[in-house]
């Protein structure tokens, strides 16, 4: 995987062969940093996405309206599934559940788990099954 975007809050790694994007977040959520990193990945062809939010603190509710605009574009570009790697932070987990419901409503399958390995396994299995159907 190669780093395609990075700032104080997030690192985005991309595997062009699998079209998989791994985003790892840390620290207190900052809206401007989040927008900056998402703008850096615009146009990248992504089929599967893993968001590791275990080390993220605070609320990303302000970004939800941005997600409503960005995710339909990602879906049109091929995004089929996203796995969220979560901790036991209730605020983040609540927001992840809201985002999962939003993604499901536009046809992006989601999964929540506690390790990157489990997320990668689920993404791999889901995308393999999707190609069979």
Foldseek 3Di string as FASTA:
>chain_A
DDFQFDDPFWTWDADLVQLEIEIEGADEDDPVNVVVRVVSCPPRQHQEYEYECAHYDDAPVVCVVVCLVPVVVNVVSHHAEYEYAYDPPPRVVVVVVVVQVSNVVSRHHYYYHHDVVVRVVVRVVVVVVVVVD
